[in-house]
Amino acid sequence: MNGFRFHTKYRERLRRTQNCGVVVNSLTTSYASARDSNPVEGNMEYYGFLTDIIELDYYGKWKVVLFRCDWADANTARGIKNDQFGFTMVNFSRLIHTGEHLIDEPYVFSSQVKQVFYSKDPIDEGWYVVLRNTPRDLFDMGNESRDDIVERSETLPFPEQNLNENIPSTSTQFQWVRQDVEEDIYDL
């Protein structure tokens, strides 16, 4: 889905690979305080582990794939933070949208998610560093025209090279036979 291969957390319990980490970017309305009357809209990322894949088939006319996830609490500092190096870290000890309450929604459309990997932080126990992944077979070719690429490549910080210095002229004769080996010719 979306160039990623997803597996559930249960399927990966005995594997070395990790394909169950997901992130969803969502437009969220938030308030500065309880007395604030001016809501602010902004993008918020929710991080989770994929626990179930559900495919809804509407009589063969179309299919919808839903992912059920365990979501880290992205609303508080107990669930998400940035370390001193700028990496995003999540803690899955406090989950949100578990499905226990009617308002909870642990499901998301599979087309909305991107894949991430979680690496355990060796210093802060219970925290995981979020590592982003690129989809399979996706290459960033850019949207620039060929003229823009040439102009940009001329400004790259590489030393200028003169190829004529490395290629011998045609008037110079070179010996292409090894001199350190005795010559043996065998007639058959």
Protein backbone atom coordinates (compact mmCIF):
# COMPACT_ATOMS: atom_id res chain seq x y z
CA MET A 1 0.00 0.00 0.00
CA ASN A 2 1.41 3.41 -1.02
CA GLY A 3 4.68 1.71 -1.99
CA PHE A 4 5.15 0.17 1.47
CA ARG A 5 4.81 -3.42 2.66
CA PHE A 6 2.88 -3.61 5.92
CA HIS A 7 2.59 -6.45 8.41
CA THR A 8 0.80 -6.59 11.74
CA LYS A 9 2.71 -6.35 15.00
CA TYR A 10 1.67 -9.91 15.87
CA ARG A 11 3.13 -11.31 12.64
CA GLU A 12 6.47 -9.64 13.37
CA ARG A 13 6.85 -10.91 16.92
CA LEU A 14 9.44 -13.55 15.88
CA ARG A 15 11.00 -11.68 12.95
CA ARG A 16 13.97 -9.37 12.67
CA THR A 17 12.26 -7.02 10.22
CA GLN A 18 9.78 -4.32 11.17
CA ASN A 19 6.93 -3.35 8.85
CA CYS A 20 4.22 -2.46 11.37
CA GLY A 21 5.16 1.13 12.23
CA VAL A 22 2.76 3.74 10.84
CA VAL A 23 2.37 7.51 10.89
CA VAL A 24 -0.67 9.56 9.90
CA ASN A 25 -0.61 13.28 9.22
CA SER A 26 -3.90 14.81 10.28
CA LEU A 27 -5.40 18.31 10.22
CA THR A 28 -6.39 19.02 13.83
CA THR A 29 -8.17 21.90 15.56
CA SER A 30 -6.64 22.89 18.88
CA TYR A 31 -7.11 25.51 21.58
CA ALA A 32 -4.44 27.24 23.67
CA SER A 33 -6.50 26.83 26.86
CA ALA A 34 -10.00 26.01 28.08
CA ARG A 35 -10.94 29.71 27.93
CA ASP A 36 -9.60 30.19 24.39
CA SER A 37 -12.34 30.98 21.86
CA ASN A 38 -10.08 31.07 18.79
CA PRO A 39 -9.30 27.56 17.57
CA VAL A 40 -6.16 27.06 15.53
CA GLU A 41 -5.89 24.46 12.80
CA GLY A 42 -2.62 22.69 12.23
CA ASN A 43 -1.10 19.44 11.07
CA MET A 44 -0.38 16.81 13.67
CA GLU A 45 1.33 13.46 13.26
CA TYR A 46 0.04 10.36 15.02
CA TYR A 47 2.42 7.41 15.46
CA GLY A 48 1.33 3.84 15.95
CA PHE A 49 1.78 0.11 15.51
CA LEU A 50 -0.38 -1.78 13.02
CA THR A 51 -2.39 -4.45 14.87
CA ASP A 52 -4.98 -5.54 12.30
CA ILE A 53 -5.67 -5.21 8.57
CA ILE A 54 -9.33 -5.26 7.53
CA GLU A 55 -10.52 -5.37 3.93
CA LEU A 56 -14.12 -4.38 3.24
CA ASP A 57 -15.36 -5.78 -0.08
CA TYR A 58 -18.51 -4.14 -1.43
CA TYR A 59 -19.80 -6.91 -3.71
CA GLY A 60 -16.74 -6.76 -5.93
CA LYS A 61 -17.48 -3.18 -7.00
CA TRP A 62 -14.76 -1.64 -4.79
CA LYS A 63 -12.67 -2.51 -1.78
CA VAL A 64 -11.62 -0.46 1.22
CA VAL A 65 -8.66 -1.44 3.39
CA LEU A 66 -8.63 -0.26 7.02
CA PHE A 67 -5.74 -0.45 9.46
CA ARG A 68 -6.40 -0.85 13.18
CA CYS A 69 -3.50 0.63 15.13
CA ASP A 70 -2.25 1.17 18.65
CA TRP A 71 -1.65 4.93 18.71
CA ALA A 72 0.87 6.65 20.98
CA ASP A 73 -0.46 9.62 22.93
CA ALA A 74 0.58 12.47 20.63
CA ASN A 75 -1.32 15.06 22.69
CA THR A 76 1.01 15.12 25.72
CA ALA A 77 4.73 15.15 26.43
CA ARG A 78 4.37 11.70 28.00
CA GLY A 79 3.68 10.23 24.56
CA ILE A 80 5.80 12.23 22.11
CA LYS A 81 8.85 14.47 22.34
CA ASN A 82 11.89 15.64 20.39
CA ASP A 83 15.38 14.83 21.65
CA GLN A 84 18.39 17.17 21.64
CA PHE A 85 19.32 16.03 18.11
CA GLY A 86 15.88 16.84 16.66
CA PHE A 87 14.65 13.24 16.39
CA THR A 88 11.02 12.50 17.17
CA MET A 89 10.57 10.02 20.01
CA VAL A 90 7.38 8.22 21.00
CA ASN A 91 6.32 6.25 24.06
CA PHE A 92 3.75 3.48 23.64
CA SER A 93 3.11 2.95 27.35
CA ARG A 94 0.15 5.38 27.13
CA LEU A 95 -2.12 4.73 24.16
CA ILE A 96 -4.96 6.82 22.79
CA HIS A 97 -7.93 5.79 20.63
CA THR A 98 -7.95 2.26 22.01
CA GLY A 99 -11.58 1.65 21.07
CA GLU A 100 -12.75 1.38 24.68
CA HIS A 101 -14.91 4.50 24.38
CA LEU A 102 -17.39 5.39 21.68
CA ILE A 103 -15.39 8.49 20.70
CA ASP A 104 -12.17 6.48 20.20
CA GLU A 105 -11.29 5.61 16.64
CA PRO A 106 -8.36 3.21 16.28
CA TYR A 107 -8.99 2.75 12.52
CA VAL A 108 -7.48 4.65 9.61
CA PHE A 109 -7.68 4.20 5.85
CA SER A 110 -4.65 2.38 4.53
CA SER A 111 -4.19 5.07 1.88
CA GLN A 112 -3.59 7.68 4.61
CA VAL A 113 -0.60 6.07 6.33
CA LYS A 114 3.11 6.10 5.73
CA GLN A 115 5.57 3.63 7.12
CA VAL A 116 8.08 4.41 9.86
CA PHE A 117 10.46 2.31 11.91
CA TYR A 118 10.86 2.49 15.65
CA SER A 119 14.27 2.00 17.23
CA LYS A 120 14.53 1.58 21.01
CA ASP A 121 16.31 4.44 22.70
CA PRO A 122 19.17 2.96 24.76
CA ILE A 123 19.09 5.82 27.28
CA ASP A 124 15.37 6.55 27.87
CA GLU A 125 13.62 3.28 28.61
CA GLY A 126 10.20 2.96 26.98
CA TRP A 127 10.95 5.56 24.30
CA TYR A 128 11.42 4.80 20.61
CA VAL A 129 13.17 6.93 17.99
CA VAL A 130 11.08 7.43 14.84
CA LEU A 131 12.95 6.63 11.62
CA ARG A 132 11.24 7.62 8.39
CA ASN A 133 11.18 5.36 5.36
CA THR A 134 10.76 5.98 1.64
CA PRO A 135 8.36 3.89 -0.44
CA ARG A 136 9.69 1.10 -2.63
CA ASP A 137 10.35 2.02 -6.24
CA LEU A 138 9.98 5.75 -5.53
CA PHE A 139 12.72 7.92 -6.89
CA ASP A 140 12.92 11.68 -6.36
CA MET A 141 13.47 12.86 -9.93
CA GLY A 142 12.37 16.40 -9.13
CA ASN A 143 9.98 18.61 -11.03
CA GLU A 144 12.63 20.81 -12.57
CA SER A 145 13.31 21.30 -16.24
CA ARG A 146 16.57 20.14 -17.77
CA ASP A 147 17.93 23.75 -17.84
CA ASP A 148 17.42 24.06 -14.07
CA ILE A 149 19.34 20.85 -13.47
CA VAL A 150 22.30 22.07 -15.53
CA GLU A 151 22.38 25.41 -13.71
CA ARG A 152 22.23 23.71 -10.32
CA SER A 153 24.97 21.22 -11.20
CA GLU A 154 27.30 24.04 -12.19
CA THR A 155 27.08 25.47 -8.69
CA LEU A 156 27.85 22.24 -6.83
CA PRO A 157 30.95 22.43 -4.61
CA PHE A 158 33.05 19.96 -6.58
CA PRO A 159 36.54 20.77 -7.83
CA GLU A 160 36.83 21.46 -11.51
CA GLN A 161 38.52 18.71 -13.49
CA ASN A 162 40.28 18.92 -16.80
CA LEU A 163 39.99 15.56 -18.54
CA ASN A 164 42.72 16.41 -21.05
CA GLU A 165 45.27 16.06 -18.27
CA ASN A 166 44.22 12.45 -17.66
CA ILE A 167 43.98 11.31 -21.28
CA PRO A 168 47.30 10.92 -23.12
CA SER A 169 47.68 12.51 -26.51
CA THR A 170 47.64 10.28 -29.59
CA SER A 171 51.17 11.28 -30.61
CA THR A 172 52.73 9.70 -27.51
CA GLN A 173 53.61 6.02 -27.84
CA PHE A 174 53.01 3.79 -24.84
CA GLN A 175 54.33 0.32 -24.12
CA TRP A 176 51.31 -1.82 -23.22
CA VAL A 177 53.25 -5.04 -22.65
CA ARG A 178 54.39 -6.07 -19.21
CA GLN A 179 58.15 -5.90 -18.84
CA ASP A 180 58.36 -7.75 -15.53
CA VAL A 181 57.38 -11.17 -16.97
CA GLU A 182 59.54 -13.35 -19.13
CA GLU A 183 58.10 -13.88 -22.55
CA ASP A 184 57.11 -17.44 -23.29
CA ILE A 185 55.48 -18.38 -26.54
CA TYR A 186 54.05 -21.80 -26.85
CA ASP A 187 53.34 -23.29 -30.22
CA LEU A 188 50.69 -25.93 -30.29
